[in-house]
Amino acid sequence: KLVVLDGDLSKSTMTAGFGKEFPERFFNMGIAEQNLYGVAAGLAHG
């Protein structure tokens, strides 16, 4: 159930390793932080 979202900083936040191993559960949302957390909320409610 664990999914990871990042704001185009995965090498700095260290989420890149998760993205490499679980690409289907990793979402780079770009430099759009409000959207990042809005999508995270939707995924949680799903």
ModelCIF file with pLDDT and N, C-alpha, C, O atoms, coordinates in Angstrom:
data_MODEL
#
_entry.id   MODEL 
#
_entity.id                         1 
_entity.type                       polymer 
_entity.pdbx_number_of_molecules   1 
#
_entity_poly.entity_id                      1 
_entity_poly.type                           'polypeptide(L)' 
_entity_poly.nstd_linkage                   no 
_entity_poly.nstd_monomer                   no 
_entity_poly.pdbx_seq_one_letter_code       KLVVLDGDLSKSTMTAGFGKEFPERFFNMGIAEQNLYGVAAGLAHG 
_entity_poly.pdbx_seq_one_letter_code_can   KLVVLDGDLSKSTMTAGFGKEFPERFFNMGIAEQNLYGVAAGLAHG 
_entity_poly.pdbx_strand_id                 A 
#
loop_
_entity_poly_seq.entity_id 
_entity_poly_seq.num 
_entity_poly_seq.mon_id 
_entity_poly_seq.hetero 
1 1  LYS n 
1 2  LEU n 
1 3  VAL n 
1 4  VAL n 
1 5  LEU n 
1 6  ASP n 
1 7  GLY n 
1 8  ASP n 
1 9  LEU n 
1 10 SER n 
1 11 LYS n 
1 12 SER n 
1 13 THR n 
1 14 MET n 
1 15 THR n 
1 16 ALA n 
1 17 GLY n 
1 18 PHE n 
1 19 GLY n 
1 20 LYS n 
1 21 GLU n 
1 22 PHE n 
1 23 PRO n 
1 24 GLU n 
1 25 ARG n 
1 26 PHE n 
1 27 PHE n 
1 28 ASN n 
1 29 MET n 
1 30 GLY n 
1 31 ILE n 
1 32 ALA n 
1 33 GLU n 
1 34 GLN n 
1 35 ASN n 
1 36 LEU n 
1 37 TYR n 
1 38 GLY n 
1 39 VAL n 
1 40 ALA n 
1 41 ALA n 
1 42 GLY n 
1 43 LEU n 
1 44 ALA n 
1 45 HIS n 
1 46 GLY n 
#
_struct_asym.id          A 
_struct_asym.entity_id   1 
#
loop_
_ma_qa_metric.id 
_ma_qa_metric.mode 
_ma_qa_metric.name 
_ma_qa_metric.software_group_id 
_ma_qa_metric.type 
1 global pLDDT . pLDDT 
2 local  pLDDT . pLDDT 
#
_ma_qa_metric_global.metric_id      1 
_ma_qa_metric_global.metric_value   97.39 
_ma_qa_metric_global.model_id       1 
_ma_qa_metric_global.ordinal_id     1 
#
loop_
_ma_qa_metric_local.label_asym_id 
_ma_qa_metric_local.label_comp_id 
_ma_qa_metric_local.label_seq_id 
_ma_qa_metric_local.metric_id 
_ma_qa_metric_local.metric_value 
_ma_qa_metric_local.model_id 
_ma_qa_metric_local.ordinal_id 
A LYS 1  2 98.00 1 1  
A LEU 2  2 98.00 1 2  
A VAL 3  2 98.00 1 3  
A VAL 4  2 98.00 1 4  
A LEU 5  2 98.00 1 5  
A ASP 6  2 98.00 1 6  
A GLY 7  2 97.00 1 7  
A ASP 8  2 96.00 1 8  
A LEU 9  2 97.00 1 9  
A SER 10 2 96.00 1 10 
A LYS 11 2 96.00 1 11 
A SER 12 2 97.00 1 12 
A THR 13 2 97.00 1 13 
A MET 14 2 97.00 1 14 
A THR 15 2 98.00 1 15 
A ALA 16 2 97.00 1 16 
A GLY 17 2 97.00 1 17 
A PHE 18 2 98.00 1 18 
A GLY 19 2 97.00 1 19 
A LYS 20 2 97.00 1 20 
A GLU 21 2 97.00 1 21 
A PHE 22 2 98.00 1 22 
A PRO 23 2 97.00 1 23 
A GLU 24 2 98.00 1 24 
A ARG 25 2 98.00 1 25 
A PHE 26 2 98.00 1 26 
A PHE 27 2 98.00 1 27 
A ASN 28 2 97.00 1 28 
A MET 29 2 97.00 1 29 
A GLY 30 2 96.00 1 30 
A ILE 31 2 96.00 1 31 
A ALA 32 2 96.00 1 32 
A GLU 33 2 97.00 1 33 
A GLN 34 2 97.00 1 34 
A ASN 35 2 97.00 1 35 
A LEU 36 2 98.00 1 36 
A TYR 37 2 98.00 1 37 
A GLY 38 2 98.00 1 38 
A VAL 39 2 98.00 1 39 
A ALA 40 2 98.00 1 40 
A ALA 41 2 98.00 1 41 
A GLY 42 2 98.00 1 42 
A LEU 43 2 98.00 1 43 
A ALA 44 2 98.00 1 44 
A HIS 45 2 98.00 1 45 
A GLY 46 2 98.00 1 46 
#
loop_
_atom_site.group_PDB 
_atom_site.id 
_atom_site.type_symbol 
_atom_site.label_atom_id 
_atom_site.label_alt_id 
_atom_site.label_comp_id 
_atom_site.label_asym_id 
_atom_site.label_entity_id 
_atom_site.label_seq_id 
_atom_site.pdbx_PDB_ins_code 
_atom_site.Cartn_x 
_atom_site.Cartn_y 
_atom_site.Cartn_z 
_atom_site.occupancy 
_atom_site.B_iso_or_equiv 
_atom_site.pdbx_formal_charge 
_atom_site.auth_seq_id 
_atom_site.auth_comp_id 
_atom_site.auth_asym_id 
_atom_site.auth_atom_id 
_atom_site.pdbx_PDB_model_num 
ATOM 1   N N  . LYS A 1 1  ? 0.809   -1.217 0.000   1.00 98.00 ? 1  LYS A N  1 
ATOM 2   C CA . LYS A 1 1  ? 0.000   0.000  0.000   1.00 98.00 ? 1  LYS A CA 1 
ATOM 3   C C  . LYS A 1 1  ? 0.846   1.273  0.000   1.00 98.00 ? 1  LYS A C  1 
ATOM 4   O O  . LYS A 1 1  ? 0.348   2.358  -0.299  1.00 98.00 ? 1  LYS A O  1 
ATOM 5   N N  . LEU A 1 2  ? 2.132   1.132  0.339   1.00 98.00 ? 2  LEU A N  1 
ATOM 6   C CA . LEU A 1 2  ? 3.003   2.298  0.399   1.00 98.00 ? 2  LEU A CA 1 
ATOM 7   C C  . LEU A 1 2  ? 3.289   2.827  -1.001  1.00 98.00 ? 2  LEU A C  1 
ATOM 8   O O  . LEU A 1 2  ? 3.735   2.088  -1.878  1.00 98.00 ? 2  LEU A O  1 
ATOM 9   N N  . VAL A 1 3  ? 3.028   4.113  -1.198  1.00 98.00 ? 3  VAL A N  1 
ATOM 10  C CA . VAL A 1 3  ? 3.393   4.801  -2.428  1.00 98.00 ? 3  VAL A CA 1 
ATOM 11  C C  . VAL A 1 3  ? 4.206   6.038  -2.049  1.00 98.00 ? 3  VAL A C  1 
ATOM 12  O O  . VAL A 1 3  ? 4.063   6.565  -0.945  1.00 98.00 ? 3  VAL A O  1 
ATOM 13  N N  . VAL A 1 4  ? 5.043   6.491  -2.946  1.00 98.00 ? 4  VAL A N  1 
ATOM 14  C CA . VAL A 1 4  ? 5.913   7.630  -2.661  1.00 98.00 ? 4  VAL A CA 1 
ATOM 15  C C  . VAL A 1 4  ? 5.745   8.687  -3.749  1.00 98.00 ? 4  VAL A C  1 
ATOM 16  O O  . VAL A 1 4  ? 5.757   8.380  -4.941  1.00 98.00 ? 4  VAL A O  1 
ATOM 17  N N  . LEU A 1 5  ? 5.588   9.930  -3.315  1.00 98.00 ? 5  LEU A N  1 
ATOM 18  C CA . LEU A 1 5  ? 5.487   11.064 -4.218  1.00 98.00 ? 5  LEU A CA 1 
ATOM 19  C C  . LEU A 1 5  ? 6.620   12.034 -3.908  1.00 98.00 ? 5  LEU A C  1 
ATOM 20  O O  . LEU A 1 5  ? 7.052   12.154 -2.762  1.00 98.00 ? 5  LEU A O  1 
ATOM 21  N N  . ASP A 1 6  ? 7.095   12.724 -4.939  1.00 98.00 ? 6  ASP A N  1 
ATOM 22  C CA . ASP A 1 6  ? 8.196   13.655 -4.744  1.00 98.00 ? 6  ASP A CA 1 
ATOM 23  C C  . ASP A 1 6  ? 8.029   14.861 -5.659  1.00 98.00 ? 6  ASP A C  1 
ATOM 24  O O  . ASP A 1 6  ? 7.438   14.773 -6.735  1.00 98.00 ? 6  ASP A O  1 
ATOM 25  N N  . GLY A 1 7  ? 8.566   15.993 -5.201  1.00 97.00 ? 7  GLY A N  1 
ATOM 26  C CA . GLY A 1 7  ? 8.470   17.236 -5.955  1.00 97.00 ? 7  GLY A CA 1 
ATOM 27  C C  . GLY A 1 7  ? 9.702   17.527 -6.773  1.00 97.00 ? 7  GLY A C  1 
ATOM 28  O O  . GLY A 1 7  ? 10.269  18.615 -6.677  1.00 97.00 ? 7  GLY A O  1 
ATOM 29  N N  . ASP A 1 8  ? 10.136  16.549 -7.596  1.00 96.00 ? 8  ASP A N  1 
ATOM 30  C CA . ASP A 1 8  ? 11.284  16.705 -8.496  1.00 96.00 ? 8  ASP A CA 1 
ATOM 31  C C  . ASP A 1 8  ? 12.589  16.906 -7.736  1.00 96.00 ? 8  ASP A C  1 
ATOM 32  O O  . ASP A 1 8  ? 13.493  17.600 -8.201  1.00 96.00 ? 8  ASP A O  1 
ATOM 33  N N  . LEU A 1 9  ? 12.675  16.287 -6.554  1.00 97.00 ? 9  LEU A N  1 
ATOM 34  C CA . LEU A 1 9  ? 13.881  16.410 -5.732  1.00 97.00 ? 9  LEU A CA 1 
ATOM 35  C C  . LEU A 1 9  ? 14.309  15.045 -5.189  1.00 97.00 ? 9  LEU A C  1 
ATOM 36  O O  . LEU A 1 9  ? 14.903  14.963 -4.114  1.00 97.00 ? 9  LEU A O  1 
ATOM 37  N N  . SER A 1 10 ? 14.010  13.984 -5.924  1.00 96.00 ? 10 SER A N  1 
ATOM 38  C CA . SER A 1 10 ? 14.154  12.635 -5.367  1.00 96.00 ? 10 SER A CA 1 
ATOM 39  C C  . SER A 1 10 ? 15.594  12.268 -5.011  1.00 96.00 ? 10 SER A C  1 
ATOM 40  O O  . SER A 1 10 ? 15.816  11.469 -4.101  1.00 96.00 ? 10 SER A O  1 
ATOM 41  N N  . LYS A 1 11 ? 16.581  12.843 -5.719  1.00 96.00 ? 11 LYS A N  1 
ATOM 42  C CA . LYS A 1 11 ? 17.969  12.554 -5.359  1.00 96.00 ? 11 LYS A CA 1 
ATOM 43  C C  . LYS A 1 11 ? 18.356  13.250 -4.059  1.00 96.00 ? 11 LYS A C  1 
ATOM 44  O O  . LYS A 1 11 ? 19.200  12.756 -3.311  1.00 96.00 ? 11 LYS A O  1 
ATOM 45  N N  . SER A 1 12 ? 17.741  14.389 -3.794  1.00 97.00 ? 12 SER A N  1 
ATOM 46  C CA . SER A 1 12 ? 18.030  15.133 -2.568  1.00 97.00 ? 12 SER A CA 1 
ATOM 47  C C  . SER A 1 12 ? 17.232  14.612 -1.384  1.00 97.00 ? 12 SER A C  1 
ATOM 48  O O  . SER A 1 12 ? 17.760  14.510 -0.277  1.00 97.00 ? 12 SER A O  1 
ATOM 49  N N  . THR A 1 13 ? 15.959  14.280 -1.609  1.00 97.00 ? 13 THR A N  1 
ATOM 50  C CA . THR A 1 13 ? 15.121  13.772 -0.522  1.00 97.00 ? 13 THR A CA 1 
ATOM 51  C C  . THR A 1 13 ? 15.373  12.287 -0.270  1.00 97.00 ? 13 THR A C  1 
ATOM 52  O O  . THR A 1 13 ? 14.878  11.729 0.710   1.00 97.00 ? 13 THR A O  1 
ATOM 53  N N  . MET A 1 14 ? 16.128  11.659 -1.138  1.00 97.00 ? 14 MET A N  1 
ATOM 54  C CA . MET A 1 14 ? 16.516  10.249 -1.046  1.00 97.00 ? 14 MET A CA 1 
ATOM 55  C C  . MET A 1 14 ? 15.362  9.287  -1.330  1.00 97.00 ? 14 MET A C  1 
ATOM 56  O O  . MET A 1 14 ? 15.389  8.138  -0.888  1.00 97.00 ? 14 MET A O  1 
ATOM 57  N N  . THR A 1 15 ? 14.361  9.748  -2.059  1.00 98.00 ? 15 THR A N  1 
ATOM 58  C CA . THR A 1 15 ? 13.273  8.847  -2.461  1.00 98.00 ? 15 THR A CA 1 
ATOM 59  C C  . THR A 1 15 ? 13.597  8.128  -3.769  1.00 98.00 ? 15 THR A C  1 
ATOM 60  O O  . THR A 1 15 ? 12.838  7.257  -4.197  1.00 98.00 ? 15 THR A O  1 
ATOM 61  N N  . ALA A 1 16 ? 14.705  8.478  -4.405  1.00 97.00 ? 16 ALA A N  1 
ATOM 62  C CA . ALA A 1 16 ? 15.050  7.905  -5.710  1.00 97.00 ? 16 ALA A CA 1 
ATOM 63  C C  . ALA A 1 16 ? 15.199  6.382  -5.645  1.00 97.00 ? 16 ALA A C  1 
ATOM 64  O O  . ALA A 1 16 ? 14.854  5.683  -6.597  1.00 97.00 ? 16 ALA A O  1 
ATOM 65  N N  . GLY A 1 17 ? 15.713  5.871  -4.523  1.00 97.00 ? 17 GLY A N  1 
ATOM 66  C CA . GLY A 1 17 ? 15.880  4.432  -4.379  1.00 97.00 ? 17 GLY A CA 1 
ATOM 67  C C  . GLY A 1 17 ? 14.552  3.695  -4.441  1.00 97.00 ? 17 GLY A C  1 
ATOM 68  O O  . GLY A 1 17 ? 14.447  2.635  -5.058  1.00 97.00 ? 17 GLY A O  1 
ATOM 69  N N  . PHE A 1 18 ? 13.542  4.263  -3.799  1.00 98.00 ? 18 PHE A N  1 
ATOM 70  C CA . PHE A 1 18 ? 12.208  3.668  -3.848  1.00 98.00 ? 18 PHE A CA 1 
ATOM 71  C C  . PHE A 1 18 ? 11.689  3.701  -5.287  1.00 98.00 ? 18 PHE A C  1 
ATOM 72  O O  . PHE A 1 18 ? 11.112  2.726  -5.768  1.00 98.00 ? 18 PHE A O  1 
ATOM 73  N N  . GLY A 1 19 ? 11.896  4.824  -5.966  1.00 97.00 ? 19 GLY A N  1 
ATOM 74  C CA . GLY A 1 19 ? 11.427  4.951  -7.339  1.00 97.00 ? 19 GLY A CA 1 
ATOM 75  C C  . GLY A 1 19 ? 12.062  3.947  -8.278  1.00 97.00 ? 19 GLY A C  1 
ATOM 76  O O  . GLY A 1 19 ? 11.414  3.454  -9.202  1.00 97.00 ? 19 GLY A O  1 
ATOM 77  N N  . LYS A 1 20 ? 13.345  3.640  -8.040  1.00 97.00 ? 20 LYS A N  1 
ATOM 78  C CA . LYS A 1 20 ? 14.045  2.674  -8.870  1.00 97.00 ? 20 LYS A CA 1 
ATOM 79  C C  . LYS A 1 20 ? 13.514  1.260  -8.660  1.00 97.00 ? 20 LYS A C  1 
ATOM 80  O O  . LYS A 1 20 ? 13.352  0.500  -9.615  1.00 97.00 ? 20 LYS A O  1 
ATOM 81  N N  . GLU A 1 21 ? 13.241  0.911  -7.387  1.00 97.00 ? 21 GLU A N  1 
ATOM 82  C CA . GLU A 1 21 ? 12.779  -0.450 -7.096  1.00 97.00 ? 21 GLU A CA 1 
ATOM 83  C C  . GLU A 1 21 ? 11.290  -0.627 -7.339  1.00 97.00 ? 21 GLU A C  1 
ATOM 84  O O  . GLU A 1 21 ? 10.845  -1.713 -7.712  1.00 97.00 ? 21 GLU A O  1 
ATOM 85  N N  . PHE A 1 22 ? 10.519  0.427  -7.131  1.00 98.00 ? 22 PHE A N  1 
ATOM 86  C CA . PHE A 1 22 ? 9.060   0.327  -7.291  1.00 98.00 ? 22 PHE A CA 1 
ATOM 87  C C  . PHE A 1 22 ? 8.555   1.446  -8.204  1.00 98.00 ? 22 PHE A C  1 
ATOM 88  O O  . PHE A 1 22 ? 7.817   2.319  -7.746  1.00 98.00 ? 22 PHE A O  1 
ATOM 89  N N  . PRO A 1 23 ? 8.930   1.440  -9.471  1.00 97.00 ? 23 PRO A N  1 
ATOM 90  C CA . PRO A 1 23 ? 8.544   2.547  -10.362 1.00 97.00 ? 23 PRO A CA 1 
ATOM 91  C C  . PRO A 1 23 ? 7.040   2.729  -10.499 1.00 97.00 ? 23 PRO A C  1 
ATOM 92  O O  . PRO A 1 23 ? 6.563   3.842  -10.721 1.00 97.00 ? 23 PRO A O  1 
ATOM 93  N N  . GLU A 1 24 ? 6.291   1.635  -10.365 1.00 98.00 ? 24 GLU A N  1 
ATOM 94  C CA . GLU A 1 24 ? 4.834   1.742  -10.500 1.00 98.00 ? 24 GLU A CA 1 
ATOM 95  C C  . GLU A 1 24 ? 4.179   2.363  -9.265  1.00 98.00 ? 24 GLU A C  1 
ATOM 96  O O  . GLU A 1 24 ? 2.995   2.701  -9.294  1.00 98.00 ? 24 GLU A O  1 
ATOM 97  N N  . ARG A 1 25 ? 4.945   2.515  -8.180  1.00 98.00 ? 25 ARG A N  1 
ATOM 98  C CA . ARG A 1 25 ? 4.407   3.118  -6.944  1.00 98.00 ? 25 ARG A CA 1 
ATOM 99  C C  . ARG A 1 25 ? 5.107   4.429  -6.607  1.00 98.00 ? 25 ARG A C  1 
ATOM 100 O O  . ARG A 1 25 ? 4.993   4.932  -5.489  1.00 98.00 ? 25 ARG A O  1 
ATOM 101 N N  . PHE A 1 26 ? 5.826   4.976  -7.575  1.00 98.00 ? 26 PHE A N  1 
ATOM 102 C CA . PHE A 1 26 ? 6.552   6.230  -7.365  1.00 98.00 ? 26 PHE A CA 1 
ATOM 103 C C  . PHE A 1 26 ? 6.051   7.275  -8.362  1.00 98.00 ? 26 PHE A C  1 
ATOM 104 O O  . PHE A 1 26 ? 5.907   7.001  -9.553  1.00 98.00 ? 26 PHE A O  1 
ATOM 105 N N  . PHE A 1 27 ? 5.787   8.489  -7.841  1.00 98.00 ? 27 PHE A N  1 
ATOM 106 C CA . PHE A 1 27 ? 5.219   9.546  -8.674  1.00 98.00 ? 27 PHE A CA 1 
ATOM 107 C C  . PHE A 1 27 ? 6.017   10.835 -8.499  1.00 98.00 ? 27 PHE A C  1 
ATOM 108 O O  . PHE A 1 27 ? 6.019   11.440 -7.427  1.00 98.00 ? 27 PHE A O  1 
ATOM 109 N N  . ASN A 1 28 ? 6.693   11.243 -9.568  1.00 97.00 ? 28 ASN A N  1 
ATOM 110 C CA . ASN A 1 28 ? 7.368   12.536 -9.563  1.00 97.00 ? 28 ASN A CA 1 
ATOM 111 C C  . ASN A 1 28 ? 6.357   13.583 -10.007 1.00 97.00 ? 28 ASN A C  1 
ATOM 112 O O  . ASN A 1 28 ? 5.964   13.624 -11.173 1.00 97.00 ? 28 ASN A O  1 
ATOM 113 N N  . MET A 1 29 ? 5.937   14.430 -9.069  1.00 97.00 ? 29 MET A N  1 
ATOM 114 C CA . MET A 1 29 ? 4.876   15.399 -9.340  1.00 97.00 ? 29 MET A CA 1 
ATOM 115 C C  . MET A 1 29 ? 5.419   16.720 -9.882  1.00 97.00 ? 29 MET A C  1 
ATOM 116 O O  . MET A 1 29 ? 4.654   17.651 -10.134 1.00 97.00 ? 29 MET A O  1 
ATOM 117 N N  . GLY A 1 30 ? 6.738   16.801 -10.061 1.00 96.00 ? 30 GLY A N  1 
ATOM 118 C CA . GLY A 1 30 ? 7.321   18.029 -10.571 1.00 96.00 ? 30 GLY A CA 1 
ATOM 119 C C  . GLY A 1 30 ? 7.378   19.119 -9.506  1.00 96.00 ? 30 GLY A C  1 
ATOM 120 O O  . GLY A 1 30 ? 7.079   18.892 -8.333  1.00 96.00 ? 30 GLY A O  1 
ATOM 121 N N  . ILE A 1 31 ? 7.773   20.315 -9.957  1.00 96.00 ? 31 ILE A N  1 
ATOM 122 C CA . ILE A 1 31 ? 7.890   21.437 -9.024  1.00 96.00 ? 31 ILE A CA 1 
ATOM 123 C C  . ILE A 1 31 ? 6.505   22.068 -8.874  1.00 96.00 ? 31 ILE A C  1 
ATOM 124 O O  . ILE A 1 31 ? 6.242   23.163 -9.370  1.00 96.00 ? 31 ILE A O  1 
ATOM 125 N N  . ALA A 1 32 ? 5.638   21.353 -8.184  1.00 96.00 ? 32 ALA A N  1 
ATOM 126 C CA . ALA A 1 32 ? 4.239   21.755 -8.014  1.00 96.00 ? 32 ALA A CA 1 
ATOM 127 C C  . ALA A 1 32 ? 3.765   21.190 -6.679  1.00 96.00 ? 32 ALA A C  1 
ATOM 128 O O  . ALA A 1 32 ? 2.994   20.232 -6.633  1.00 96.00 ? 32 ALA A O  1 
ATOM 129 N N  . GLU A 1 33 ? 4.238   21.797 -5.603  1.00 97.00 ? 33 GLU A N  1 
ATOM 130 C CA . GLU A 1 33 ? 4.073   21.208 -4.272  1.00 97.00 ? 33 GLU A CA 1 
ATOM 131 C C  . GLU A 1 33 ? 2.623   21.141 -3.817  1.00 97.00 ? 33 GLU A C  1 
ATOM 132 O O  . GLU A 1 33 ? 2.237   20.191 -3.135  1.00 97.00 ? 33 GLU A O  1 
ATOM 133 N N  . GLN A 1 34 ? 1.816   22.126 -4.178  1.00 97.00 ? 34 GLN A N  1 
ATOM 134 C CA . GLN A 1 34 ? 0.408   22.066 -3.789  1.00 97.00 ? 34 GLN A CA 1 
ATOM 135 C C  . GLN A 1 34 ? -0.272  20.867 -4.444  1.00 97.00 ? 34 GLN A C  1 
ATOM 136 O O  . GLN A 1 34 ? -1.058  20.166 -3.806  1.00 97.00 ? 34 GLN A O  1 
ATOM 137 N N  . ASN A 1 35 ? 0.033   20.636 -5.718  1.00 97.00 ? 35 ASN A N  1 
ATOM 138 C CA . ASN A 1 35 ? -0.503  19.473 -6.412  1.00 97.00 ? 35 ASN A CA 1 
ATOM 139 C C  . ASN A 1 35 ? 0.030   18.185 -5.808  1.00 97.00 ? 35 ASN A C  1 
ATOM 140 O O  . ASN A 1 35 ? -0.700  17.202 -5.682  1.00 97.00 ? 35 ASN A O  1 
ATOM 141 N N  . LEU A 1 36 ? 1.305   18.192 -5.436  1.00 98.00 ? 36 LEU A N  1 
ATOM 142 C CA . LEU A 1 36 ? 1.920   17.024 -4.802  1.00 98.00 ? 36 LEU A CA 1 
ATOM 143 C C  . LEU A 1 36 ? 1.098   16.551 -3.611  1.00 98.00 ? 36 LEU A C  1 
ATOM 144 O O  . LEU A 1 36 ? 0.792   15.365 -3.491  1.00 98.00 ? 36 LEU A O  1 
ATOM 145 N N  . TYR A 1 37 ? 0.746   17.480 -2.736  1.00 98.00 ? 37 TYR A N  1 
ATOM 146 C CA . TYR A 1 37 ? 0.027   17.083 -1.517  1.00 98.00 ? 37 TYR A CA 1 
ATOM 147 C C  . TYR A 1 37 ? -1.472  16.882 -1.755  1.00 98.00 ? 37 TYR A C  1 
ATOM 148 O O  . TYR A 1 37 ? -2.120  16.135 -1.022  1.00 98.00 ? 37 TYR A O  1 
ATOM 149 N N  . GLY A 1 38 ? -2.020  17.538 -2.766  1.00 98.00 ? 38 GLY A N  1 
ATOM 150 C CA . GLY A 1 38 ? -3.409  17.264 -3.133  1.00 98.00 ? 38 GLY A CA 1 
ATOM 151 C C  . GLY A 1 38 ? -3.568  15.856 -3.674  1.00 98.00 ? 38 GLY A C  1 
ATOM 152 O O  . GLY A 1 38 ? -4.511  15.153 -3.312  1.00 98.00 ? 38 GLY A O  1 
ATOM 153 N N  . VAL A 1 39 ? -2.652  15.440 -4.538  1.00 98.00 ? 39 VAL A N  1 
ATOM 154 C CA . VAL A 1 39 ? -2.684  14.081 -5.077  1.00 98.00 ? 39 VAL A CA 1 
ATOM 155 C C  . VAL A 1 39 ? -2.439  13.060 -3.969  1.00 98.00 ? 39 VAL A C  1 
ATOM 156 O O  . VAL A 1 39 ? -3.074  12.006 -3.933  1.00 98.00 ? 39 VAL A O  1 
ATOM 157 N N  . ALA A 1 40 ? -1.519  13.380 -3.070  1.00 98.00 ? 40 ALA A N  1 
ATOM 158 C CA . ALA A 1 40 ? -1.254  12.471 -1.941  1.00 98.00 ? 40 ALA A CA 1 
ATOM 159 C C  . ALA A 1 40 ? -2.521  12.246 -1.126  1.00 98.00 ? 40 ALA A C  1 
ATOM 160 O O  . ALA A 1 40 ? -2.798  11.123 -0.704  1.00 98.00 ? 40 ALA A O  1 
ATOM 161 N N  . ALA A 1 41 ? -3.293  13.312 -0.903  1.00 98.00 ? 41 ALA A N  1 
ATOM 162 C CA . ALA A 1 41 ? -4.550  13.182 -0.159  1.00 98.00 ? 41 ALA A CA 1 
ATOM 163 C C  . ALA A 1 41 ? -5.520  12.260 -0.898  1.00 98.00 ? 41 ALA A C  1 
ATOM 164 O O  . ALA A 1 41 ? -6.172  11.413 -0.288  1.00 98.00 ? 41 ALA A O  1 
ATOM 165 N N  . GLY A 1 42 ? -5.606  12.437 -2.220  1.00 98.00 ? 42 GLY A N  1 
ATOM 166 C CA . GLY A 1 42 ? -6.493  11.580 -3.003  1.00 98.00 ? 42 GLY A CA 1 
ATOM 167 C C  . GLY A 1 42 ? -6.091  10.119 -2.953  1.00 98.00 ? 42 GLY A C  1 
ATOM 168 O O  . GLY A 1 42 ? -6.941  9.240  -2.811  1.00 98.00 ? 42 GLY A O  1 
ATOM 169 N N  . LEU A 1 43 ? -4.799  9.858  -3.068  1.00 98.00 ? 43 LEU A N  1 
ATOM 170 C CA . LEU A 1 43 ? -4.313  8.483  -2.981  1.00 98.00 ? 43 LEU A CA 1 
ATOM 171 C C  . LEU A 1 43 ? -4.618  7.874  -1.616  1.00 98.00 ? 43 LEU A C  1 
ATOM 172 O O  . LEU A 1 43 ? -4.975  6.700  -1.517  1.00 98.00 ? 43 LEU A O  1 
ATOM 173 N N  . ALA A 1 44 ? -4.474  8.687  -0.556  1.00 98.00 ? 44 ALA A N  1 
ATOM 174 C CA . ALA A 1 44 ? -4.769  8.195  0.793   1.00 98.00 ? 44 ALA A CA 1 
ATOM 175 C C  . ALA A 1 44 ? -6.236  7.824  0.926   1.00 98.00 ? 44 ALA A C  1 
ATOM 176 O O  . ALA A 1 44 ? -6.564  6.776  1.483   1.00 98.00 ? 44 ALA A O  1 
ATOM 177 N N  . HIS A 1 45 ? -7.113  8.668  0.422   1.00 98.00 ? 45 HIS A N  1 
ATOM 178 C CA . HIS A 1 45 ? -8.545  8.364  0.510   1.00 98.00 ? 45 HIS A CA 1 
ATOM 179 C C  . HIS A 1 45 ? -8.931  7.200  -0.393  1.00 98.00 ? 45 HIS A C  1 
ATOM 180 O O  . HIS A 1 45 ? -10.007 6.621  -0.245  1.00 98.00 ? 45 HIS A O  1 
ATOM 181 N N  . GLY A 1 46 ? -8.039  6.855  -1.341  1.00 98.00 ? 46 GLY A N  1 
ATOM 182 C CA . GLY A 1 46 ? -8.258  5.681  -2.178  1.00 98.00 ? 46 GLY A CA 1 
ATOM 183 C C  . GLY A 1 46 ? -7.668  4.403  -1.605  1.00 98.00 ? 46 GLY A C  1 
ATOM 184 O O  . GLY A 1 46 ? -7.785  3.340  -2.217  1.00 98.00 ? 46 GLY A O  1 
#
